[in-house]
């Protein structure tokens, strides 16, 4: 934006919060609430942490239910509540003032394929097979919920790398974090959308 429009851009970067933490801070962190009220551009992303604890239970066959998936269903339902609450609270804080809001969701390198620099998948294939259903469900929900609320949702990596193909090795490090090259790809995806304001 600074390069294209020749305007000064001030970035107020926050911690890497899970959605539940984003929601908690939007409700109680006065500094963050003030930044949101005055921001002209807001971006945030959804991570996989909502499945961390259920993954251990699912792997240990103590997730509950006849199919050992109760904890996955409960985690998904709670995360959907968080998604809706975050978008609604952002709208409330903005009080109808226009803002360029972008939500991006990360790709599926945890469950669909292994990382470029790691020979084996992060999650055992038999575990991933059950869990990816819930992850894909959340991805779809975020996109549909954003569309219904006039919020633009961006896939962090372009196809075919979002779910179906292993990303180039230089885009992700060994822990699945985006490198500078990978972050540039996400930036390019955001830039493609232009600067249309969302109310």
Protein backbone atom coordinates (compact mmCIF):
# COMPACT_ATOMS: atom_id res chain seq x y z
CA UNK A 1 0.00 0.00 0.00
CA UNK A 2 2.82 2.35 0.86
CA UNK A 3 4.56 1.65 -2.45
CA UNK A 4 1.42 1.75 -4.59
CA UNK A 5 -0.31 4.75 -3.06
CA UNK A 6 2.64 6.68 -1.72
CA UNK A 7 1.11 7.01 1.74
CA UNK A 8 2.69 6.33 5.10
CA UNK A 9 1.70 3.00 6.63
CA UNK A 10 1.91 2.43 10.37
CA UNK A 11 1.75 -1.23 11.41
CA UNK A 12 0.47 -2.26 14.83
CA UNK A 13 1.44 -5.92 14.90
CA UNK A 14 -0.05 -8.09 17.63
CA UNK A 15 1.03 -11.39 19.13
CA UNK A 16 0.38 -14.65 17.33
CA UNK A 17 -2.93 -15.45 19.00
CA UNK A 18 -5.27 -18.36 18.48
CA UNK A 19 -8.84 -17.33 17.55
CA UNK A 20 -10.00 -17.81 21.14
CA UNK A 21 -7.24 -15.44 22.26
CA UNK A 22 -8.11 -12.94 19.54
CA UNK A 23 -11.67 -12.97 20.83
CA UNK A 24 -10.62 -12.59 24.47
CA UNK A 25 -8.41 -9.63 23.62
CA UNK A 26 -11.04 -7.97 21.46
CA UNK A 27 -13.35 -8.15 24.46
CA UNK A 28 -10.99 -7.06 27.22
CA UNK A 29 -7.79 -5.52 25.84
CA UNK A 30 -8.51 -1.78 25.76
CA UNK A 31 -5.36 -1.00 23.77
CA UNK A 32 -6.29 -3.51 21.07
CA UNK A 33 -9.89 -2.33 20.97
CA UNK A 34 -8.73 1.24 20.44
CA UNK A 35 -6.39 0.18 17.64
CA UNK A 36 -9.24 -1.69 15.92
CA UNK A 37 -11.57 1.30 16.23
CA UNK A 38 -9.03 3.57 14.56
CA UNK A 39 -7.56 1.16 12.00
CA UNK A 40 -8.06 1.61 8.29
CA UNK A 41 -6.86 -1.92 7.47
CA UNK A 42 -7.24 -5.07 9.58
CA UNK A 43 -5.82 -8.50 8.73
CA UNK A 44 -5.82 -11.66 10.81
CA UNK A 45 -5.53 -15.37 10.24
CA UNK A 46 -6.82 -18.64 11.61
CA UNK A 47 -4.43 -21.31 12.82
CA UNK A 48 -4.76 -25.01 13.61
CA UNK A 49 -4.27 -24.84 17.34
CA UNK A 50 -7.90 -25.65 18.05
CA UNK A 51 -7.08 -29.26 17.14
CA UNK A 52 -3.91 -29.63 19.25
CA UNK A 53 -5.49 -31.05 22.40
CA UNK A 54 -8.13 -33.10 20.51
CA UNK A 55 -5.35 -34.53 18.35
CA UNK A 56 -3.64 -36.04 21.41
CA UNK A 57 -6.93 -37.45 22.66
CA UNK A 58 -7.85 -38.78 19.24
CA UNK A 59 -4.44 -40.42 18.83
CA UNK A 60 -4.75 -41.96 22.30
CA UNK A 61 -8.27 -43.21 21.53
CA UNK A 62 -9.75 -41.24 24.44
CA UNK A 63 -11.61 -38.66 22.34
CA UNK A 64 -15.01 -40.05 23.25
CA UNK A 65 -18.03 -41.31 21.34
CA UNK A 66 -18.55 -44.54 19.44
CA UNK A 67 -16.19 -43.31 16.73
CA UNK A 68 -13.59 -41.72 19.06
CA UNK A 69 -14.33 -38.27 17.59
CA UNK A 70 -16.47 -36.47 20.17
CA UNK A 71 -13.61 -34.18 21.22
CA UNK A 72 -13.01 -33.23 17.58
CA UNK A 73 -16.65 -32.31 17.09
CA UNK A 74 -16.67 -30.27 20.30
CA UNK A 75 -13.49 -28.41 19.33
CA UNK A 76 -14.87 -27.63 15.87
CA UNK A 77 -18.17 -26.33 17.25
CA UNK A 78 -16.34 -24.06 19.70
CA UNK A 79 -14.01 -22.73 17.01
CA UNK A 80 -16.95 -21.90 14.76
CA UNK A 81 -18.42 -19.90 17.62
CA UNK A 82 -15.10 -18.05 17.94
CA UNK A 83 -15.00 -17.26 14.22
CA UNK A 84 -18.49 -15.79 14.21
CA UNK A 85 -17.91 -13.86 17.43
CA UNK A 86 -14.65 -12.32 16.16
CA UNK A 87 -16.18 -11.06 12.92
CA UNK A 88 -19.25 -9.73 14.73
CA UNK A 89 -17.15 -8.01 17.39
CA UNK A 90 -14.94 -6.36 14.78
CA UNK A 91 -18.06 -4.97 13.12
CA UNK A 92 -19.32 -3.76 16.50
CA UNK A 93 -16.03 -2.04 17.34
CA UNK A 94 -16.00 -0.36 13.95
CA UNK A 95 -19.57 0.90 14.54
CA UNK A 96 -20.27 0.98 10.80
CA UNK A 97 -17.08 2.83 9.88
CA UNK A 98 -15.50 1.51 6.68
CA UNK A 99 -12.38 -0.62 7.00
CA UNK A 100 -10.37 -2.83 4.69
CA UNK A 101 -10.73 -6.18 6.46
CA UNK A 102 -8.93 -9.30 5.28
CA UNK A 103 -9.05 -12.72 6.92
CA UNK A 104 -6.71 -15.39 5.63
CA UNK A 105 -6.74 -19.09 6.42
CA UNK A 106 -3.67 -21.26 6.35
CA UNK A 107 -3.17 -24.15 3.98
CA UNK A 108 -3.36 -27.85 4.69
CA UNK A 109 0.28 -28.87 5.07
CA UNK A 110 -0.48 -30.46 8.45
CA UNK A 111 -2.97 -33.01 7.24
CA UNK A 112 -2.80 -33.29 3.47
CA UNK A 113 0.92 -33.68 2.89
CA UNK A 114 4.32 -33.44 4.57
CA UNK A 115 6.33 -30.25 4.77
CA UNK A 116 8.85 -29.58 1.97
CA UNK A 117 11.92 -30.10 4.18
CA UNK A 118 10.54 -32.87 6.37
CA UNK A 119 10.50 -36.46 5.04
CA UNK A 120 7.49 -37.60 7.07
CA UNK A 121 4.13 -35.91 7.75
CA UNK A 122 3.74 -33.94 10.97
CA UNK A 123 0.72 -36.07 11.84
CA UNK A 124 0.48 -39.83 11.35
CA UNK A 125 -1.51 -40.58 8.18
CA UNK A 126 -4.16 -42.61 10.01
CA UNK A 127 -4.68 -39.74 12.49
CA UNK A 128 -4.65 -37.09 9.78
CA UNK A 129 -7.29 -38.96 7.82
CA UNK A 130 -9.82 -38.49 10.62
CA UNK A 131 -8.76 -35.01 11.71
CA UNK A 132 -8.56 -33.33 8.33
CA UNK A 133 -12.34 -33.64 8.01
CA UNK A 134 -12.73 -31.19 10.87
CA UNK A 135 -10.00 -28.88 9.65
CA UNK A 136 -11.53 -28.71 6.17
CA UNK A 137 -14.92 -28.10 7.75
CA UNK A 138 -13.53 -25.06 9.57
CA UNK A 139 -11.84 -23.76 6.42
CA UNK A 140 -15.13 -23.94 4.53
CA UNK A 141 -17.01 -22.35 7.44
CA UNK A 142 -14.60 -19.40 7.65
CA UNK A 143 -14.93 -18.74 3.93
CA UNK A 144 -18.72 -19.02 3.93
CA UNK A 145 -19.14 -17.01 7.12
CA UNK A 146 -16.89 -14.27 5.80
CA UNK A 147 -18.80 -14.10 2.54
CA UNK A 148 -22.13 -13.92 4.37
CA UNK A 149 -20.84 -10.99 6.44
CA UNK A 150 -19.18 -9.11 3.60
CA UNK A 151 -15.70 -10.02 4.84
CA UNK A 152 -13.03 -11.04 2.34
CA UNK A 153 -11.33 -14.34 3.20
CA UNK A 154 -8.03 -15.17 1.54
CA UNK A 155 -6.37 -18.55 1.20
CA UNK A 156 -2.82 -18.17 2.47
CA UNK A 157 -1.33 -20.02 -0.49
CA UNK A 158 -2.71 -20.09 -4.03
CA UNK A 159 -3.90 -23.29 -5.66
CA UNK A 160 -2.65 -25.92 -6.16
CA UNK A 161 -0.67 -25.42 -2.95
CA UNK A 162 -3.57 -24.73 -0.61
CA UNK A 163 -4.49 -28.39 -0.13
CA UNK A 164 -3.52 -30.61 -3.00
CA UNK A 165 0.17 -30.10 -3.65
CA UNK A 166 3.31 -29.75 -1.56
CA UNK A 167 4.44 -26.08 -1.50
CA UNK A 168 7.90 -25.11 -2.77
CA UNK A 169 10.53 -25.84 -0.12
CA UNK A 170 11.54 -22.21 0.26
CA UNK A 171 8.05 -21.15 1.40
CA UNK A 172 8.04 -23.02 4.72
CA UNK A 173 10.64 -23.86 7.33
CA UNK A 174 10.96 -27.18 9.15
CA UNK A 175 8.32 -26.18 11.70
CA UNK A 176 5.75 -25.16 9.12
CA UNK A 177 6.28 -21.43 9.65
CA UNK A 178 6.29 -19.19 6.62
CA UNK A 179 9.67 -17.97 5.48
CA UNK A 180 10.18 -14.55 3.96
CA UNK A 181 9.44 -16.06 0.53
CA UNK A 182 6.26 -17.69 1.81
CA UNK A 183 5.13 -14.48 3.48
CA UNK A 184 5.64 -12.68 0.18
CA UNK A 185 3.29 -15.16 -1.49
CA UNK A 186 0.59 -14.38 1.10
CA UNK A 187 1.18 -10.66 0.59
CA UNK A 188 0.75 -11.08 -3.15
CA UNK A 189 -2.56 -12.89 -2.58
CA UNK A 190 -3.75 -9.95 -0.48
CA UNK A 191 -2.57 -7.41 -3.05
CA UNK A 192 -4.54 -9.16 -5.80
CA UNK A 193 -7.75 -8.27 -3.99
CA UNK A 194 -7.14 -4.55 -4.33
CA UNK A 195 -8.00 -1.91 -1.78
CA UNK A 196 -11.77 -2.02 -1.78
CA UNK A 197 -13.13 -0.99 1.61
CA UNK A 198 -15.43 -3.36 3.52
CA UNK A 199 -18.11 -1.82 5.71
